[in-house]
Amino acid sequence: MREETFSIPLGDGKNLYGRINYGDDYERYDRAVIFCHGLSGHMYEHLYMTARVFFPAQGFDTIRFNFYSEEQDARRITECNVALHAEDLKKVLAYFAERYHDLFVVGHSYGGLAIVMANAPEVVAASLWDGTFIPFAEHEGFSASWFFNKELSEHIVSWQPTMRVVGSKFYEESRTFTCERMTALAQQFTKPVQVLAAGAFLENVPYQEKLFEKLAAEDKEYVVIDGASHGFNEGDAVFELLENTLNWFERFDA
């Protein structure tokens, strides 16, 4: 497996940084999978590090990037919200559209919502890995984990095992995620789309079912990964996740 780095100018003095992985026994493939991490996530999580090996062996390049990162001219998490992630994803897709014939996208958690919000024409097909579809503005149980920190003047969220600074822009945006708005976002998305639900995240399964129901795509698939938490950390869950994603994308190989 080989790897190269890239950066993309975002047009506001910021740059986005990422990595492309491809196999050793060919020049380049003409199809690639782009991965969008979730809120507080990054491109080095085990999901993407495993995928960067798995997909090149099956004839796909992989493209990972950070929506925010430590480089001096990169975005910081407190500067972001999902709408901005969606705009940055559009720039990533436009950048690679000249390089690849087929672009597939994967989004985990808030990364899935970013894909739906972007609704980009370059996408051949999408896979949403336990993608966010929770109406936070109307669901106090999920909203209770957000706190305002006066010293930082930012919001933090208590997601086990640690609290994380995610910023007030994310929190304020979450207050706009009503059932009506989430439904409207899903109903604008017509690209072929797969919803992969984490079966052990019982509180979220109904929202995965609702996401699948509301997505406007005529060609769509719903799969539950039994025993998997939101991070797909248990046993062989990540490999079941990747196999299902591969099988879905292979259907649309031009």
C-alpha atoms as a PDB file:
ATOM      1  CA  MET A   1       0.000   0.000   0.000  1.00  0.00           C
ATOM      2  CA  ARG A   2       1.223   3.468  -0.882  1.00  0.00           C
ATOM      3  CA  GLU A   3       0.232   6.814   0.555  1.00  0.00           C
ATOM      4  CA  GLU A   4       0.462  10.434  -0.492  1.00  0.00           C
ATOM      5  CA  THR A   5      -0.562  13.620   1.245  1.00  0.00           C
ATOM      6  CA  PHE A   6      -2.580  16.476  -0.189  1.00  0.00           C
ATOM      7  CA  SER A   7      -3.906  19.878   0.790  1.00  0.00           C
ATOM      8  CA  ILE A   8      -6.822  21.814  -0.650  1.00  0.00           C
ATOM      9  CA  PRO A   9      -7.284  25.591  -0.365  1.00  0.00           C
ATOM     10  CA  LEU A  10     -10.690  26.435   1.054  1.00  0.00           C
ATOM     11  CA  GLY A  11     -10.806  29.992  -0.225  1.00  0.00           C
ATOM     12  CA  ASP A  12     -10.778  31.844   3.098  1.00  0.00           C
ATOM     13  CA  GLY A  13      -7.119  31.576   4.021  1.00  0.00           C
ATOM     14  CA  LYS A  14      -7.618  28.056   5.351  1.00  0.00           C
ATOM     15  CA  ASN A  15      -6.405  24.751   3.937  1.00  0.00           C
ATOM     16  CA  LEU A  16      -7.696  21.216   4.349  1.00  0.00           C
ATOM     17  CA  TYR A  17      -5.221  18.341   4.777  1.00  0.00           C
ATOM     18  CA  GLY A  18      -5.580  14.681   3.959  1.00  0.00           C
ATOM     19  CA  ARG A  19      -4.077  11.439   2.653  1.00  0.00           C
ATOM     20  CA  ILE A  20      -4.683   9.174  -0.339  1.00  0.00           C
ATOM     21  CA  ASN A  21      -3.980   5.439  -0.113  1.00  0.00           C
ATOM     22  CA  TYR A  22      -3.645   3.045  -3.037  1.00  0.00           C
ATOM     23  CA  GLY A  23      -2.094  -0.337  -3.700  1.00  0.00           C
ATOM     24  CA  ASP A  24       1.419  -1.259  -4.769  1.00  0.00           C
ATOM     25  CA  ASP A  25       0.601  -3.271  -7.885  1.00  0.00           C
ATOM     26  CA  TYR A  26      -0.976  -0.652 -10.165  1.00  0.00           C
ATOM     27  CA  GLU A  27      -0.541   2.941 -11.242  1.00  0.00           C
ATOM     28  CA  ARG A  28      -3.830   4.378  -9.946  1.00  0.00           C
ATOM     29  CA  TYR A  29      -7.473   3.353  -9.874  1.00  0.00           C
ATOM     30  CA  ASP A  30     -10.117   5.553 -11.478  1.00  0.00           C
ATOM     31  CA  ARG A  31     -12.495   5.159  -8.522  1.00  0.00           C
ATOM     32  CA  ALA A  32     -12.087   6.312  -4.941  1.00  0.00           C
ATOM     33  CA  VAL A  33     -13.886   6.315  -1.603  1.00  0.00           C
ATOM     34  CA  ILE A  34     -13.874   9.593   0.334  1.00  0.00           C
ATOM     35  CA  PHE A  35     -14.310   9.330   4.122  1.00  0.00           C
ATOM     36  CA  CYS A  36     -15.953  12.026   6.266  1.00  0.00           C
ATOM     37  CA  HIS A  37     -15.317  11.739   9.996  1.00  0.00           C
ATOM     38  CA  GLY A  38     -17.810  12.695  12.681  1.00  0.00           C
ATOM     39  CA  LEU A  39     -17.896  15.434  15.289  1.00  0.00           C
ATOM     40  CA  SER A  40     -14.697  15.363  17.402  1.00  0.00           C
ATOM     41  CA  GLY A  41     -13.363  12.671  15.017  1.00  0.00           C
ATOM     42  CA  HIS A  42     -10.372  12.620  12.680  1.00  0.00           C
ATOM     43  CA  MET A  43      -8.965  10.692   9.733  1.00  0.00           C
ATOM     44  CA  TYR A  44      -6.753   8.497  11.950  1.00  0.00           C
ATOM     45  CA  GLU A  45      -9.629   6.694  13.701  1.00  0.00           C
ATOM     46  CA  HIS A  46      -9.589   2.910  13.414  1.00  0.00           C
ATOM     47  CA  LEU A  47     -12.511   2.905  10.955  1.00  0.00           C
ATOM     48  CA  TYR A  48     -10.536   4.833   8.362  1.00  0.00           C
ATOM     49  CA  MET A  49      -7.144   3.303   9.092  1.00  0.00           C
ATOM     50  CA  THR A  50      -8.665  -0.126   8.478  1.00  0.00           C
ATOM     51  CA  ALA A  51     -10.525   1.098   5.400  1.00  0.00           C
ATOM     52  CA  ARG A  52      -7.329   2.542   3.867  1.00  0.00           C
ATOM     53  CA  VAL A  53      -5.975  -1.033   3.672  1.00  0.00           C
ATOM     54  CA  PHE A  54      -9.244  -2.793   2.858  1.00  0.00           C
ATOM     55  CA  PHE A  55     -10.464  -0.776  -0.123  1.00  0.00           C
ATOM     56  CA  PRO A  56      -7.240  -0.568  -2.181  1.00  0.00           C
ATOM     57  CA  ALA A  57      -7.132  -4.377  -2.074  1.00  0.00           C
ATOM     58  CA  GLN A  58     -10.575  -4.280  -3.718  1.00  0.00           C
ATOM     59  CA  GLY A  59      -9.740  -1.777  -6.442  1.00  0.00           C
ATOM     60  CA  PHE A  60     -10.615   1.546  -4.794  1.00  0.00           C
ATOM     61  CA  ASP A  61      -8.289   4.349  -3.747  1.00  0.00           C
ATOM     62  CA  THR A  62      -9.160   5.868  -0.377  1.00  0.00           C
ATOM     63  CA  ILE A  63      -9.207   9.570   0.456  1.00  0.00           C
ATOM     64  CA  ARG A  64      -9.176  10.629   4.108  1.00  0.00           C
ATOM     65  CA  PHE A  65      -9.053  14.173   5.408  1.00  0.00           C
ATOM     66  CA  ASN A  66      -9.586  16.233   8.538  1.00  0.00           C
ATOM     67  CA  PHE A  67     -12.316  18.854   8.638  1.00  0.00           C
ATOM     68  CA  TYR A  68     -10.110  20.560  11.285  1.00  0.00           C
ATOM     69  CA  SER A  69      -6.526  19.803  12.288  1.00  0.00           C
ATOM     70  CA  GLU A  70      -3.335  21.049  13.904  1.00  0.00           C
ATOM     71  CA  GLU A  71      -1.667  22.675  10.866  1.00  0.00           C
ATOM     72  CA  GLN A  72      -1.279  26.406  11.322  1.00  0.00           C
ATOM     73  CA  ASP A  73      -3.579  27.281   8.417  1.00  0.00           C
ATOM     74  CA  ALA A  74      -6.161  24.527   9.010  1.00  0.00           C
ATOM     75  CA  ARG A  75      -9.592  25.029  10.524  1.00  0.00           C
ATOM     76  CA  ARG A  76     -10.094  24.554  14.259  1.00  0.00           C
ATOM     77  CA  ILE A  77     -13.059  22.607  15.590  1.00  0.00           C
ATOM     78  CA  THR A  78     -14.447  25.696  17.343  1.00  0.00           C
ATOM     79  CA  GLU A  79     -14.645  27.483  13.979  1.00  0.00           C
ATOM     80  CA  CYS A  80     -16.812  24.771  12.430  1.00  0.00           C
ATOM     81  CA  ASN A  81     -20.326  23.461  12.194  1.00  0.00           C
ATOM     82  CA  VAL A  82     -21.909  20.794   9.984  1.00  0.00           C
ATOM     83  CA  ALA A  83     -22.942  23.306   7.335  1.00  0.00           C
ATOM     84  CA  LEU A  84     -19.306  24.383   6.982  1.00  0.00           C
ATOM     85  CA  HIS A  85     -18.214  20.728   6.823  1.00  0.00           C
ATOM     86  CA  ALA A  86     -20.691  20.254   3.974  1.00  0.00           C
ATOM     87  CA  GLU A  87     -19.231  23.205   2.069  1.00  0.00           C
ATOM     88  CA  ASP A  88     -15.695  21.908   2.596  1.00  0.00           C
ATOM     89  CA  LEU A  89     -16.753  18.448   1.424  1.00  0.00           C
ATOM     90  CA  LYS A  90     -18.025  20.013  -1.798  1.00  0.00           C
ATOM     91  CA  LYS A  91     -14.565  21.471  -2.345  1.00  0.00           C
ATOM     92  CA  VAL A  92     -12.952  18.068  -1.743  1.00  0.00           C
ATOM     93  CA  LEU A  93     -15.276  16.428  -4.260  1.00  0.00           C
ATOM     94  CA  ALA A  94     -14.676  19.147  -6.862  1.00  0.00           C
ATOM     95  CA  TYR A  95     -10.918  18.803  -6.360  1.00  0.00           C
ATOM     96  CA  PHE A  96     -10.905  15.046  -6.956  1.00  0.00           C
ATOM     97  CA  ALA A  97     -13.576  14.981  -9.673  1.00  0.00           C
ATOM     98  CA  GLU A  98     -10.875  15.746 -12.260  1.00  0.00           C
ATOM     99  CA  ARG A  99      -8.727  12.912 -10.963  1.00  0.00           C
ATOM    100  CA  TYR A 100     -11.266  10.084 -10.648  1.00  0.00           C
ATOM    101  CA  HIS A 101     -14.061   8.791 -12.831  1.00  0.00           C
ATOM    102  CA  ASP A 102     -16.159   7.566  -9.880  1.00  0.00           C
ATOM    103  CA  LEU A 103     -16.287   9.109  -6.417  1.00  0.00           C
ATOM    104  CA  PHE A 104     -18.038   7.339  -3.544  1.00  0.00           C
ATOM    105  CA  VAL A 105     -18.533   8.874  -0.108  1.00  0.00           C
ATOM    106  CA  VAL A 106     -18.718   7.445   3.412  1.00  0.00           C
ATOM    107  CA  GLY A 107     -19.806   9.481   6.410  1.00  0.00           C
ATOM    108  CA  HIS A 108     -19.729   8.401  10.045  1.00  0.00           C
ATOM    109  CA  SER A 109     -22.057  10.093  12.536  1.00  0.00           C
ATOM    110  CA  TYR A 110     -22.003  13.868  11.835  1.00  0.00           C
ATOM    111  CA  GLY A 111     -19.969  13.068   8.712  1.00  0.00           C
ATOM    112  CA  GLY A 112     -23.044  11.332   7.347  1.00  0.00           C
ATOM    113  CA  LEU A 113     -25.113  14.446   7.987  1.00  0.00           C
ATOM    114  CA  ALA A 114     -22.455  16.531   6.210  1.00  0.00           C
ATOM    115  CA  ILE A 115     -22.838  14.308   3.133  1.00  0.00           C
ATOM    116  CA  VAL A 116     -26.620  14.714   3.156  1.00  0.00           C
ATOM    117  CA  MET A 117     -26.325  18.483   3.611  1.00  0.00           C
ATOM    118  CA  ALA A 118     -23.733  18.792   0.829  1.00  0.00           C
ATOM    119  CA  ASN A 119     -25.919  16.822  -1.620  1.00  0.00           C
ATOM    120  CA  ALA A 120     -23.065  17.038  -4.126  1.00  0.00           C
ATOM    121  CA  PRO A 121     -23.530  16.066  -7.793  1.00  0.00           C
ATOM    122  CA  GLU A 122     -20.106  14.367  -8.017  1.00  0.00           C
ATOM    123  CA  VAL A 123     -21.203  11.535  -5.704  1.00  0.00           C
ATOM    124  CA  VAL A 124     -21.914   8.203  -7.404  1.00  0.00           C
ATOM    125  CA  ALA A 125     -23.231   6.549  -4.225  1.00  0.00           C
ATOM    126  CA  ALA A 126     -23.028   7.119  -0.462  1.00  0.00           C
ATOM    127  CA  SER A 127     -22.794   4.985   2.660  1.00  0.00           C
ATOM    128  CA  LEU A 128     -23.859   6.523   5.981  1.00  0.00           C
ATOM    129  CA  TRP A 129     -22.244   4.801   8.950  1.00  0.00           C
ATOM    130  CA  ASP A 130     -24.682   5.411  11.813  1.00  0.00           C
ATOM    131  CA  GLY A 131     -25.189   8.841  10.293  1.00  0.00           C
ATOM    132  CA  THR A 132     -26.655  11.568  12.494  1.00  0.00           C
ATOM    133  CA  PHE A 133     -30.397  12.067  12.086  1.00  0.00           C
ATOM    134  CA  ILE A 134     -31.329  13.050  15.617  1.00  0.00           C
ATOM    135  CA  PRO A 135     -33.531  16.176  15.968  1.00  0.00           C
ATOM    136  CA  PHE A 136     -31.391  17.634  18.760  1.00  0.00           C
ATOM    137  CA  ALA A 137     -33.596  20.723  19.062  1.00  0.00           C
ATOM    138  CA  GLU A 138     -36.499  18.531  20.144  1.00  0.00           C
ATOM    139  CA  HIS A 139     -34.743  15.680  21.964  1.00  0.00           C
ATOM    140  CA  GLU A 140     -33.657  16.667  25.449  1.00  0.00           C
ATOM    141  CA  GLY A 141     -32.104  13.277  26.194  1.00  0.00           C
ATOM    142  CA  PHE A 142     -29.475  13.589  23.487  1.00  0.00           C
ATOM    143  CA  SER A 143     -29.054  17.313  24.123  1.00  0.00           C
ATOM    144  CA  ALA A 144     -28.332  16.936  27.837  1.00  0.00           C
ATOM    145  CA  SER A 145     -24.671  16.111  27.241  1.00  0.00           C
ATOM    146  CA  TRP A 146     -23.812  19.667  26.046  1.00  0.00           C
ATOM    147  CA  PHE A 147     -22.406  22.191  28.532  1.00  0.00           C
ATOM    148  CA  PHE A 148     -21.214  25.784  28.288  1.00  0.00           C
ATOM    149  CA  ASN A 149     -17.765  26.411  29.775  1.00  0.00           C
ATOM    150  CA  LYS A 150     -17.402  30.018  30.958  1.00  0.00           C
ATOM    151  CA  GLU A 151     -13.598  29.915  31.140  1.00  0.00           C
ATOM    152  CA  LEU A 152     -13.308  28.761  27.518  1.00  0.00           C
ATOM    153  CA  SER A 153     -16.415  30.628  26.389  1.00  0.00           C
ATOM    154  CA  GLU A 154     -17.231  27.524  24.340  1.00  0.00           C
ATOM    155  CA  HIS A 155     -19.488  24.500  24.546  1.00  0.00           C
ATOM    156  CA  ILE A 156     -18.174  21.104  25.535  1.00  0.00           C
ATOM    157  CA  VAL A 157     -19.928  17.790  25.156  1.00  0.00           C
ATOM    158  CA  SER A 158     -19.792  14.867  27.585  1.00  0.00           C
ATOM    159  CA  TRP A 159     -19.413  11.843  25.322  1.00  0.00           C
ATOM    160  CA  GLN A 160     -17.841   8.875  27.040  1.00  0.00           C
ATOM    161  CA  PRO A 161     -15.103   8.266  27.914  1.00  0.00           C
ATOM    162  CA  THR A 162     -14.091  11.945  27.972  1.00  0.00           C
ATOM    163  CA  MET A 163     -15.539  15.415  27.646  1.00  0.00           C
ATOM    164  CA  ARG A 164     -14.630  17.232  24.434  1.00  0.00           C
ATOM    165  CA  VAL A 165     -14.514  20.866  23.391  1.00  0.00           C
ATOM    166  CA  VAL A 166     -16.586  21.084  20.217  1.00  0.00           C
ATOM    167  CA  GLY A 167     -17.489  24.751  20.240  1.00  0.00           C
ATOM    168  CA  SER A 168     -20.580  26.899  20.423  1.00  0.00           C
ATOM    169  CA  LYS A 169     -21.063  26.995  16.649  1.00  0.00           C
ATOM    170  CA  PHE A 170     -21.831  23.275  16.636  1.00  0.00           C
ATOM    171  CA  TYR A 171     -24.102  23.631  19.653  1.00  0.00           C
ATOM    172  CA  GLU A 172     -26.030  26.574  18.202  1.00  0.00           C
ATOM    173  CA  GLU A 173     -26.476  24.736  14.918  1.00  0.00           C
ATOM    174  CA  SER A 174     -27.768  21.675  16.764  1.00  0.00           C
ATOM    175  CA  ARG A 175     -30.611  23.842  18.109  1.00  0.00           C
ATOM    176  CA  THR A 176     -31.826  24.186  14.497  1.00  0.00           C
ATOM    177  CA  PHE A 177     -32.022  20.420  13.920  1.00  0.00           C
ATOM    178  CA  THR A 178     -35.760  19.943  14.281  1.00  0.00           C
ATOM    179  CA  CYS A 179     -37.682  16.969  12.910  1.00  0.00           C
ATOM    180  CA  GLU A 180     -38.905  19.197  10.111  1.00  0.00           C
ATOM    181  CA  ARG A 181     -35.427  20.329   9.110  1.00  0.00           C
ATOM    182  CA  MET A 182     -33.860  16.862   9.322  1.00  0.00           C
ATOM    183  CA  THR A 183     -36.659  15.485   7.155  1.00  0.00           C
ATOM    184  CA  ALA A 184     -36.220  18.271   4.600  1.00  0.00           C
ATOM    185  CA  LEU A 185     -32.492  17.558   4.350  1.00  0.00           C
ATOM    186  CA  ALA A 186     -33.081  13.841   3.797  1.00  0.00           C
ATOM    187  CA  GLN A 187     -35.790  14.455   1.223  1.00  0.00           C
ATOM    188  CA  GLN A 188     -33.434  16.479  -0.965  1.00  0.00           C
ATOM    189  CA  PHE A 189     -30.894  13.636  -1.172  1.00  0.00           C
ATOM    190  CA  THR A 190     -31.545  11.498  -4.248  1.00  0.00           C
ATOM    191  CA  LYS A 191     -28.191   9.774  -4.800  1.00  0.00           C
ATOM    192  CA  PRO A 192     -28.033   6.008  -4.181  1.00  0.00           C
ATOM    193  CA  VAL A 193     -27.482   5.681  -0.451  1.00  0.00           C
ATOM    194  CA  GLN A 194     -26.878   2.986   2.129  1.00  0.00           C
ATOM    195  CA  VAL A 195     -27.690   3.355   5.832  1.00  0.00           C
ATOM    196  CA  LEU A 196     -25.565   1.140   8.096  1.00  0.00           C
ATOM    197  CA  ALA A 197     -26.901   1.218  11.652  1.00  0.00           C
ATOM    198  CA  ALA A 198     -25.004   0.282  14.818  1.00  0.00           C
ATOM    199  CA  GLY A 199     -27.269  -2.373  16.313  1.00  0.00           C
ATOM    200  CA  ALA A 200     -26.076  -2.003  19.917  1.00  0.00           C
ATOM    201  CA  PHE A 201     -26.709   1.765  19.979  1.00  0.00           C
ATOM    202  CA  LEU A 202     -30.338   1.082  20.806  1.00  0.00           C
ATOM    203  CA  GLU A 203     -31.355   4.704  21.420  1.00  0.00           C
ATOM    204  CA  ASN A 204     -30.207   5.630  17.923  1.00  0.00           C
ATOM    205  CA  VAL A 205     -31.643   2.728  15.898  1.00  0.00           C
ATOM    206  CA  PRO A 206     -35.089   4.368  15.536  1.00  0.00           C
ATOM    207  CA  TYR A 207     -33.403   7.443  14.060  1.00  0.00           C
ATOM    208  CA  GLN A 208     -31.474   5.275  11.605  1.00  0.00           C
ATOM    209  CA  GLU A 209     -34.758   3.727  10.530  1.00  0.00           C
ATOM    210  CA  LYS A 210     -36.259   7.194  10.153  1.00  0.00           C
ATOM    211  CA  LEU A 211     -33.259   8.391   8.153  1.00  0.00           C
ATOM    212  CA  PHE A 212     -33.655   5.476   5.757  1.00  0.00           C
ATOM    213  CA  GLU A 213     -37.375   6.146   5.452  1.00  0.00           C
ATOM    214  CA  LYS A 214     -36.989   9.864   4.718  1.00  0.00           C
ATOM    215  CA  LEU A 215     -34.067   9.723   2.245  1.00  0.00           C
ATOM    216  CA  ALA A 216     -35.474  10.507  -1.191  1.00  0.00           C
ATOM    217  CA  ALA A 217     -33.178   8.141  -3.109  1.00  0.00           C
ATOM    218  CA  GLU A 218     -35.016   5.568  -5.176  1.00  0.00           C
ATOM    219  CA  ASP A 219     -32.084   3.183  -4.758  1.00  0.00           C
ATOM    220  CA  LYS A 220     -31.276   2.735  -1.083  1.00  0.00           C
ATOM    221  CA  GLU A 221     -30.341   0.005   1.379  1.00  0.00           C
ATOM    222  CA  TYR A 222     -30.668  -0.434   5.149  1.00  0.00           C
ATOM    223  CA  VAL A 223     -28.410  -2.806   7.110  1.00  0.00           C
ATOM    224  CA  VAL A 224     -27.990  -3.263  10.868  1.00  0.00           C
ATOM    225  CA  ILE A 225     -24.536  -4.292  12.124  1.00  0.00           C
ATOM    226  CA  ASP A 226     -25.580  -6.437  15.084  1.00  0.00           C
ATOM    227  CA  GLY A 227     -23.693  -5.926  18.327  1.00  0.00           C
ATOM    228  CA  ALA A 228     -21.928  -2.784  17.106  1.00  0.00           C
ATOM    229  CA  SER A 229     -21.719   0.434  19.107  1.00  0.00           C
ATOM    230  CA  HIS A 230     -21.614   3.842  17.414  1.00  0.00           C
ATOM    231  CA  GLY A 231     -17.866   3.476  16.830  1.00  0.00           C
ATOM    232  CA  PHE A 232     -18.128  -0.070  15.400  1.00  0.00           C
ATOM    233  CA  ASN A 233     -15.449  -1.168  17.876  1.00  0.00           C
ATOM    234  CA  GLU A 234     -16.687  -4.615  18.860  1.00  0.00           C
ATOM    235  CA  GLY A 235     -15.339  -7.897  17.482  1.00  0.00           C
ATOM    236  CA  ASP A 236     -15.474  -7.983  13.682  1.00  0.00           C
ATOM    237  CA  ALA A 237     -17.964  -5.109  13.416  1.00  0.00           C
ATOM    238  CA  VAL A 238     -15.613  -2.899  11.428  1.00  0.00           C
ATOM    239  CA  PHE A 239     -15.015  -5.657   8.866  1.00  0.00           C
ATOM    240  CA  GLU A 240     -18.736  -6.335   8.530  1.00  0.00           C
ATOM    241  CA  LEU A 241     -19.172  -2.593   8.076  1.00  0.00           C
ATOM    242  CA  LEU A 242     -16.541  -2.463   5.322  1.00  0.00           C
ATOM    243  CA  GLU A 243     -17.815  -5.566   3.527  1.00  0.00           C
ATOM    244  CA  ASN A 244     -21.329  -4.154   3.383  1.00  0.00           C
ATOM    245  CA  THR A 245     -20.017  -0.823   2.145  1.00  0.00           C
ATOM    246  CA  LEU A 246     -17.912  -2.509  -0.548  1.00  0.00           C
ATOM    247  CA  ASN A 247     -20.817  -4.629  -1.760  1.00  0.00           C
ATOM    248  CA  TRP A 248     -22.966  -1.501  -2.017  1.00  0.00           C
ATOM    249  CA  PHE A 249     -20.406   0.524  -3.956  1.00  0.00           C
ATOM    250  CA  GLU A 250     -19.629  -2.345  -6.332  1.00  0.00           C
ATOM    251  CA  ARG A 251     -23.202  -2.135  -7.561  1.00  0.00           C
ATOM    252  CA  PHE A 252     -22.497   1.307  -9.044  1.00  0.00           C
ATOM    253  CA  ASP A 253     -19.112   0.736 -10.627  1.00  0.00           C
ATOM    254  CA  ALA A 254     -19.293   2.323 -14.092  1.00  0.00           C
END
